[in-house]
């Protein structure tokens, strides 16, 4: 089961939705980084369930503990183990359909792959498995911020048919973050956030769910990160984002809109700005030939509606019997507000890994 990410700054996540704990192990974090639980907890608080009426009512404090890899509040170069204990797991919520495949969930495919599955909460398929990623991402963010002044920000740009207007100004990361973190949706447009909030509340009453889009921007990602062919920066970012439960699509830079443009329209023209090579436009989204060019990284990540809903749905049992499922349990009517820190974490992990690789093995300067 693929539970690891990264070549040098490598993380391995562990734990299940309703198991004793979830967390991760980080390998090859440089020694000397000041690191305590206080550096990690804020992003877990942004991801945790029960933080608003728009999320699952499951009450989990998601308090992180550092078990190894630090001494006197500094990293020592050895593996860092992070753990978050599950406090409110309820197996009884899943007892009635333990032998039933939930539509569009991982029940059937996991059973086909392994011959056995964790029916309680979806096990490793649950979004709760992203706690380890979010915790490790906070460490990666700290490295990037201190070494490169890299600033990573994600925000909700679309819920169902409610979309940020064309021409939305995302030039100021601090402004976007300040506005987005002041509303439960994490949308940088307060009026739109109100409409999104109302829409999610209504769909929750109906027992249904909604999908949407999260956008990510990252400034001060240095030029020269990533490799051609299989370890292209855009390929690594896409792989990381597609590892998030519910993600069904990733766009980098102009994305699918590039298909309707001409080369003369889409090419990012170079110019010299006070001795620094830059591009006048950024349709490439900060990546050309699989390698960062120093411009802003821009991505759009599409999330499907939550698979588990309260509406009755026809499905089949493990024996192939046709049945009607009415799911119980505690589920998000829309995962996007809680997914914002997860998107940031995955991006930070990819950037940190490639940054450390570039520092230790610059193949162009033997």
Protein backbone atom coordinates (compact mmCIF):
# COMPACT_ATOMS: atom_id res chain seq x y z
CA UNK A 1 0.00 0.00 0.00
CA UNK A 2 1.62 3.26 -1.14
CA UNK A 3 1.90 5.23 2.10
CA UNK A 4 5.10 7.20 1.39
CA UNK A 5 5.84 10.40 -0.52
CA UNK A 6 9.12 12.08 -1.44
CA UNK A 7 12.66 11.01 -2.34
CA UNK A 8 14.75 12.90 0.22
CA UNK A 9 12.29 14.75 2.46
CA UNK A 10 10.27 11.56 2.73
CA UNK A 11 7.09 11.01 4.72
CA UNK A 12 5.23 7.83 5.56
CA UNK A 13 1.72 8.13 6.97
CA UNK A 14 -0.04 5.56 9.11
CA UNK A 15 -3.34 4.90 10.87
CA UNK A 16 -7.01 4.46 10.01
CA UNK A 17 -10.09 6.60 10.44
CA UNK A 18 -11.39 4.69 13.47
CA UNK A 19 -8.14 3.14 14.71
CA UNK A 20 -6.21 4.17 17.81
CA UNK A 21 -4.22 6.92 16.12
CA UNK A 22 -3.05 8.48 12.88
CA UNK A 23 0.19 10.24 12.06
CA UNK A 24 3.38 10.17 10.07
CA UNK A 25 7.14 9.66 10.11
CA UNK A 26 9.37 12.26 8.43
CA UNK A 27 12.79 11.18 7.19
CA UNK A 28 15.77 13.43 6.39
CA UNK A 29 14.48 16.64 7.91
CA UNK A 30 17.61 18.78 8.29
CA UNK A 31 19.00 19.07 11.82
CA UNK A 32 18.86 22.37 13.69
CA UNK A 33 15.31 23.41 12.72
CA UNK A 34 13.43 24.81 15.72
CA UNK A 35 10.34 22.61 15.94
CA UNK A 36 7.62 22.12 18.54
CA UNK A 37 3.99 21.03 18.48
CA UNK A 38 3.05 24.73 18.31
CA UNK A 39 4.54 24.89 14.80
CA UNK A 40 2.29 22.05 13.61
CA UNK A 41 -0.98 22.43 15.53
CA UNK A 42 -2.41 25.48 13.68
CA UNK A 43 -2.71 23.61 10.37
CA UNK A 44 -4.27 20.60 12.12
CA UNK A 45 -6.80 22.96 13.71
CA UNK A 46 -7.68 24.23 10.23
CA UNK A 47 -8.16 20.64 9.03
CA UNK A 48 -9.90 19.10 12.04
CA UNK A 49 -13.57 18.02 12.02
CA UNK A 50 -16.30 19.78 13.97
CA UNK A 51 -14.88 23.28 13.46
CA UNK A 52 -18.13 24.69 12.04
CA UNK A 53 -21.70 23.80 11.11
CA UNK A 54 -20.46 23.10 7.57
CA UNK A 55 -18.32 20.12 8.55
CA UNK A 56 -18.80 16.66 10.01
CA UNK A 57 -19.96 16.86 13.65
CA UNK A 58 -17.29 14.36 14.72
CA UNK A 59 -15.49 16.03 17.65
CA UNK A 60 -11.76 15.45 17.51
CA UNK A 61 -9.18 17.76 19.12
CA UNK A 62 -6.51 16.40 16.73
CA UNK A 63 -3.76 17.32 19.16
CA UNK A 64 -0.33 16.41 17.77
CA UNK A 65 2.56 14.97 19.74
CA UNK A 66 6.18 14.80 18.59
CA UNK A 67 7.47 11.36 19.63
CA UNK A 68 10.99 11.49 18.20
CA UNK A 69 13.47 13.44 16.13
CA UNK A 70 13.88 16.53 18.30
CA UNK A 71 15.98 17.54 21.30
CA UNK A 72 15.61 20.80 23.20
CA UNK A 73 13.06 21.93 20.61
CA UNK A 74 15.35 21.41 17.61
CA UNK A 75 15.40 18.69 14.97
CA UNK A 76 18.39 16.35 15.24
CA UNK A 77 18.37 14.75 11.78
CA UNK A 78 16.78 11.48 12.85
CA UNK A 79 13.25 10.41 11.83
CA UNK A 80 10.52 12.63 13.26
CA UNK A 81 7.46 10.69 14.42
CA UNK A 82 4.20 12.61 14.78
CA UNK A 83 1.04 11.14 16.29
CA UNK A 84 -2.58 12.23 16.71
CA UNK A 85 -4.86 10.01 18.80
CA UNK A 86 -8.43 9.35 17.69
CA UNK A 87 -10.77 10.31 20.51
CA UNK A 88 -14.29 9.91 19.12
CA UNK A 89 -14.35 6.91 16.83
CA UNK A 90 -17.79 5.27 16.60
CA UNK A 91 -17.77 1.83 15.01
CA UNK A 92 -21.51 1.51 15.65
CA UNK A 93 -22.22 4.10 12.94
CA UNK A 94 -21.08 1.56 10.32
CA UNK A 95 -22.46 -1.70 11.71
CA UNK A 96 -25.63 -1.69 9.59
CA UNK A 97 -23.76 -1.64 6.28
CA UNK A 98 -20.51 -3.43 7.04
CA UNK A 99 -21.23 -5.92 4.22
CA UNK A 100 -22.51 -3.31 1.74
CA UNK A 101 -20.49 -1.41 -0.85
CA UNK A 102 -21.09 2.33 -0.60
CA UNK A 103 -21.48 3.95 -4.06
CA UNK A 104 -18.41 5.85 -5.31
CA UNK A 105 -16.49 4.91 -2.19
CA UNK A 106 -13.40 2.72 -1.83
CA UNK A 107 -15.27 -0.24 -0.31
CA UNK A 108 -15.52 -2.34 -3.46
CA UNK A 109 -12.10 -1.48 -4.92
CA UNK A 110 -10.24 -2.07 -1.63
CA UNK A 111 -11.98 -5.41 -1.30
CA UNK A 112 -10.95 -6.34 -4.84
CA UNK A 113 -7.36 -5.23 -4.25
CA UNK A 114 -6.73 -6.78 -0.82
CA UNK A 115 -9.47 -9.36 -0.33
CA UNK A 116 -10.32 -7.70 2.97
CA UNK A 117 -11.29 -4.20 3.99
CA UNK A 118 -11.81 -1.90 6.94
CA UNK A 119 -15.49 -1.03 6.67
CA UNK A 120 -15.42 1.29 9.70
CA UNK A 121 -14.99 4.84 8.44
CA UNK A 122 -13.28 3.68 5.28
CA UNK A 123 -9.98 2.89 7.03
CA UNK A 124 -7.04 4.23 5.04
CA UNK A 125 -9.38 5.54 2.34
CA UNK A 126 -10.78 8.08 4.78
CA UNK A 127 -9.75 11.72 4.54
CA UNK A 128 -8.65 11.31 8.15
CA UNK A 129 -5.50 9.72 6.74
CA UNK A 130 -4.47 13.22 5.62
CA UNK A 131 -3.73 14.25 9.21
CA UNK A 132 -0.20 12.89 8.83
CA UNK A 133 0.25 14.77 5.56
CA UNK A 134 -1.02 18.01 7.09
CA UNK A 135 1.33 17.67 10.07
CA UNK A 136 4.35 16.91 7.89
CA UNK A 137 3.37 19.74 5.55
CA UNK A 138 3.58 22.19 8.45
CA UNK A 139 7.21 21.13 8.97
CA UNK A 140 7.91 21.50 5.24
CA UNK A 141 6.33 24.97 5.25
CA UNK A 142 8.61 26.02 8.10
CA UNK A 143 11.72 24.88 6.20
CA UNK A 144 10.61 26.69 3.03
CA UNK A 145 9.68 29.86 4.88
CA UNK A 146 12.97 30.08 6.77
CA UNK A 147 15.28 29.06 3.91
CA UNK A 148 13.53 30.56 0.88
CA UNK A 149 10.76 32.84 2.20
CA UNK A 150 8.34 30.67 0.22
CA UNK A 151 4.72 31.58 0.92
CA UNK A 152 2.02 29.01 0.12
CA UNK A 153 -1.68 29.82 0.22
CA UNK A 154 -4.75 27.84 -0.85
CA UNK A 155 -8.35 29.02 -0.88
CA UNK A 156 -11.78 27.89 -2.06
CA UNK A 157 -12.65 29.40 -5.43
CA UNK A 158 -15.75 27.36 -6.28
CA UNK A 159 -18.54 25.46 -4.53
CA UNK A 160 -20.85 23.73 -7.03
CA UNK A 161 -22.00 26.53 -9.39
CA UNK A 162 -20.80 29.41 -7.21
CA UNK A 163 -17.45 30.60 -8.62
CA UNK A 164 -15.04 33.45 -7.98
CA UNK A 165 -15.57 36.03 -10.75
CA UNK A 166 -13.23 36.20 -13.73
CA UNK A 167 -10.45 38.65 -13.11
CA UNK A 168 -10.37 38.01 -9.37
CA UNK A 169 -7.25 39.69 -8.00
CA UNK A 170 -5.09 37.07 -6.28
CA UNK A 171 -1.88 39.11 -6.40
CA UNK A 172 -1.67 39.73 -2.64
CA UNK A 173 -1.25 36.45 -0.74
CA UNK A 174 -1.49 38.09 2.68
CA UNK A 175 -4.79 39.79 1.81
CA UNK A 176 -6.23 36.58 0.39
CA UNK A 177 -5.20 34.57 3.45
CA UNK A 178 -6.57 37.16 5.88
CA UNK A 179 -9.99 37.20 4.21
CA UNK A 180 -10.19 33.44 3.57
CA UNK A 181 -9.33 32.51 7.15
CA UNK A 182 -12.06 34.78 8.52
CA UNK A 183 -14.91 32.70 7.09
CA UNK A 184 -15.83 29.03 7.45
CA UNK A 185 -15.64 28.39 3.69
CA UNK A 186 -12.09 29.75 3.34
CA UNK A 187 -13.10 31.78 0.29
CA UNK A 188 -11.32 35.14 -0.26
CA UNK A 189 -14.57 36.86 -1.30
CA UNK A 190 -16.79 37.44 1.74
CA UNK A 191 -20.02 38.00 -0.20
CA UNK A 192 -19.47 34.84 -2.23
CA UNK A 193 -18.52 32.98 0.95
CA UNK A 194 -21.93 33.85 2.43
CA UNK A 195 -23.69 32.38 -0.60
CA UNK A 196 -21.49 29.28 -0.45
CA UNK A 197 -22.24 28.85 3.25
CA UNK A 198 -25.98 29.03 2.64
CA UNK A 199 -25.75 26.55 -0.22
CA UNK A 200 -23.83 23.99 1.86
CA UNK A 201 -26.25 24.36 4.77
CA UNK A 202 -29.20 23.72 2.45
CA UNK A 203 -27.59 20.69 0.81
CA UNK A 204 -26.78 19.31 4.25
CA UNK A 205 -30.46 19.51 5.19
CA UNK A 206 -31.30 17.58 2.03
CA UNK A 207 -28.86 14.83 2.97
CA UNK A 208 -26.76 15.50 -0.13
CA UNK A 209 -23.27 16.87 -0.81
CA UNK A 210 -21.36 19.31 -3.04
CA UNK A 211 -17.96 19.51 -4.74
CA UNK A 212 -15.88 22.44 -5.90
CA UNK A 213 -12.42 23.84 -6.63
CA UNK A 214 -9.49 24.93 -4.48
CA UNK A 215 -6.83 27.21 -5.96
CA UNK A 216 -3.24 27.26 -4.72
CA UNK A 217 -0.65 29.99 -5.17
CA UNK A 218 2.97 29.90 -4.04
CA UNK A 219 5.42 32.79 -4.16
CA UNK A 220 9.22 32.66 -3.83
CA UNK A 221 9.59 29.13 -5.11
CA UNK A 222 13.09 29.38 -6.62
CA UNK A 223 13.87 28.65 -10.25
CA UNK A 224 15.51 25.31 -10.99
CA UNK A 225 13.47 22.85 -8.89
CA UNK A 226 12.29 19.64 -10.56
CA UNK A 227 13.76 17.35 -13.20
CA UNK A 228 12.83 16.60 -16.82
CA UNK A 229 10.89 13.50 -17.87
CA UNK A 230 9.41 11.58 -14.91
CA UNK A 231 10.23 13.86 -11.96
CA UNK A 232 8.87 17.01 -13.52
CA UNK A 233 7.67 19.47 -10.90
CA UNK A 234 4.21 19.60 -12.46
CA UNK A 235 4.02 15.79 -12.51
CA UNK A 236 5.07 15.56 -8.86
CA UNK A 237 2.54 18.20 -7.82
CA UNK A 238 -0.22 16.51 -9.80
CA UNK A 239 0.58 13.13 -8.24
CA UNK A 240 0.53 14.66 -4.75
CA UNK A 241 -2.78 16.44 -5.26
CA UNK A 242 -4.41 13.36 -6.79
CA UNK A 243 -3.48 11.50 -3.59
CA UNK A 244 -6.01 13.61 -1.68
CA UNK A 245 -9.30 11.73 -1.24
CA UNK A 246 -12.05 13.25 -3.44
CA UNK A 247 -9.68 15.01 -5.87
CA UNK A 248 -10.64 14.30 -9.49
CA UNK A 249 -8.71 16.90 -11.45
CA UNK A 250 -5.62 19.14 -11.37
CA UNK A 251 -4.75 22.15 -13.51
CA UNK A 252 -1.41 23.98 -13.47
CA UNK A 253 -1.16 27.46 -14.92
CA UNK A 254 -3.59 27.89 -17.81
CA UNK A 255 -4.65 24.25 -17.50
CA UNK A 256 -7.44 23.16 -19.84
CA UNK A 257 -7.99 26.70 -21.12
CA UNK A 258 -4.67 26.35 -22.99
CA UNK A 259 -6.44 23.98 -25.38
CA UNK A 260 -8.40 26.89 -26.85
CA UNK A 261 -5.44 29.28 -27.18
CA UNK A 262 -2.88 29.92 -29.91
CA UNK A 263 0.85 29.68 -29.25
CA UNK A 264 1.23 33.40 -29.80
CA UNK A 265 -1.33 33.95 -27.04
CA UNK A 266 -0.07 31.34 -24.60
CA UNK A 267 3.72 31.81 -24.75
CA UNK A 268 5.17 33.47 -21.65
CA UNK A 269 7.61 36.05 -23.03
CA UNK A 270 10.87 36.59 -21.14
CA UNK A 271 12.20 39.99 -20.13
CA UNK A 272 14.98 41.33 -17.92
CA UNK A 273 13.77 43.04 -14.76
CA UNK A 274 16.76 44.72 -13.09
CA UNK A 275 19.03 41.79 -13.80
CA UNK A 276 16.45 39.06 -13.06
CA UNK A 277 14.95 36.99 -15.89
CA UNK A 278 11.15 37.00 -15.64
CA UNK A 279 8.10 36.33 -17.81
CA UNK A 280 5.48 38.92 -18.73
CA UNK A 281 2.63 36.43 -18.36
CA UNK A 282 2.36 33.22 -16.35
CA UNK A 283 0.30 30.76 -18.36
CA UNK A 284 2.94 28.17 -17.41
CA UNK A 285 1.95 28.49 -13.76
CA UNK A 286 5.59 28.87 -12.69
CA UNK A 287 6.78 25.62 -14.31
CA UNK A 288 8.37 25.15 -17.75
CA UNK A 289 9.82 21.88 -19.00
CA UNK A 290 9.02 20.35 -15.63
CA UNK A 291 11.29 22.81 -13.80
CA UNK A 292 10.29 25.89 -11.81
CA UNK A 293 11.10 29.21 -13.47
CA UNK A 294 10.84 31.44 -10.39
CA UNK A 295 7.40 32.83 -11.19
CA UNK A 296 4.35 32.21 -9.02
CA UNK A 297 3.13 28.61 -8.87
CA UNK A 298 -0.59 28.49 -9.67
CA UNK A 299 -2.81 25.41 -9.47
CA UNK A 300 -6.50 24.53 -9.48
CA UNK A 301 -7.66 21.33 -7.79
CA UNK A 302 -11.15 19.90 -8.40
CA UNK A 303 -12.96 17.96 -5.66
CA UNK A 304 -15.94 15.69 -6.20
CA UNK A 305 -18.96 15.77 -3.87
CA UNK A 306 -18.63 13.67 -0.70
CA UNK A 307 -19.52 10.08 -1.61
CA UNK A 308 -21.34 9.20 1.63
CA UNK A 309 -24.70 10.98 1.74
CA UNK A 310 -27.93 10.44 3.68
CA UNK A 311 -30.14 9.94 0.63
CA UNK A 312 -31.20 6.37 -0.11
CA UNK A 313 -29.16 4.81 -2.92
CA UNK A 314 -29.31 1.41 -4.63
CA UNK A 315 -26.13 -0.67 -4.35
CA UNK A 316 -24.99 -4.25 -3.79
CA UNK A 317 -23.68 -6.31 -0.89
CA UNK A 318 -20.45 -8.30 -0.81
CA UNK A 319 -22.54 -11.31 -1.94
CA UNK A 320 -23.80 -9.40 -4.96
CA UNK A 321 -27.31 -8.88 -3.59
CA UNK A 322 -29.05 -5.69 -4.67
CA UNK A 323 -29.90 -3.58 -1.61
CA UNK A 324 -30.88 -0.04 -0.65
CA UNK A 325 -28.33 1.90 1.37
CA UNK A 326 -29.14 4.76 3.70
CA UNK A 327 -25.82 5.73 5.19
CA UNK A 328 -25.33 6.76 8.80
CA UNK A 329 -22.30 8.29 10.42
CA UNK A 330 -20.77 11.74 10.46
CA UNK A 331 -19.71 13.17 7.12
CA UNK A 332 -18.90 16.52 5.55
CA UNK A 333 -21.57 17.84 3.17
CA UNK A 334 -18.64 19.53 1.38
CA UNK A 335 -15.00 18.68 2.00
CA UNK A 336 -13.44 21.82 0.52
CA UNK A 337 -13.20 24.10 3.59
CA UNK A 338 -11.20 21.47 5.48
CA UNK A 339 -9.17 20.49 2.41
CA UNK A 340 -7.46 23.88 2.10
CA UNK A 341 -4.62 23.10 4.56
CA UNK A 342 -4.25 19.62 3.02
CA UNK A 343 -3.65 21.13 -0.43
CA UNK A 344 -1.08 23.52 1.05
CA UNK A 345 0.63 20.64 2.87
CA UNK A 346 1.02 18.46 -0.22
CA UNK A 347 2.48 21.37 -2.20
CA UNK A 348 4.91 22.19 0.61
CA UNK A 349 6.06 18.58 0.82
CA UNK A 350 6.86 18.48 -2.90
CA UNK A 351 8.67 21.83 -2.83
CA UNK A 352 10.68 20.92 0.29
CA UNK A 353 11.71 17.56 -1.17
CA UNK A 354 12.86 19.11 -4.43
CA UNK A 355 14.64 21.95 -2.62
CA UNK A 356 16.67 19.53 -0.49
CA UNK A 357 17.44 17.41 -3.55
CA UNK A 358 18.70 20.51 -5.38
CA UNK A 359 20.93 21.37 -2.41
CA UNK A 360 22.50 17.93 -2.14
CA UNK A 361 22.69 16.78 -5.76
CA UNK A 362 22.99 19.53 -8.35
CA UNK A 363 23.58 17.39 -11.42
CA UNK A 364 24.38 20.40 -13.60
CA UNK A 365 27.39 21.39 -11.50
CA UNK A 366 29.56 18.28 -11.08
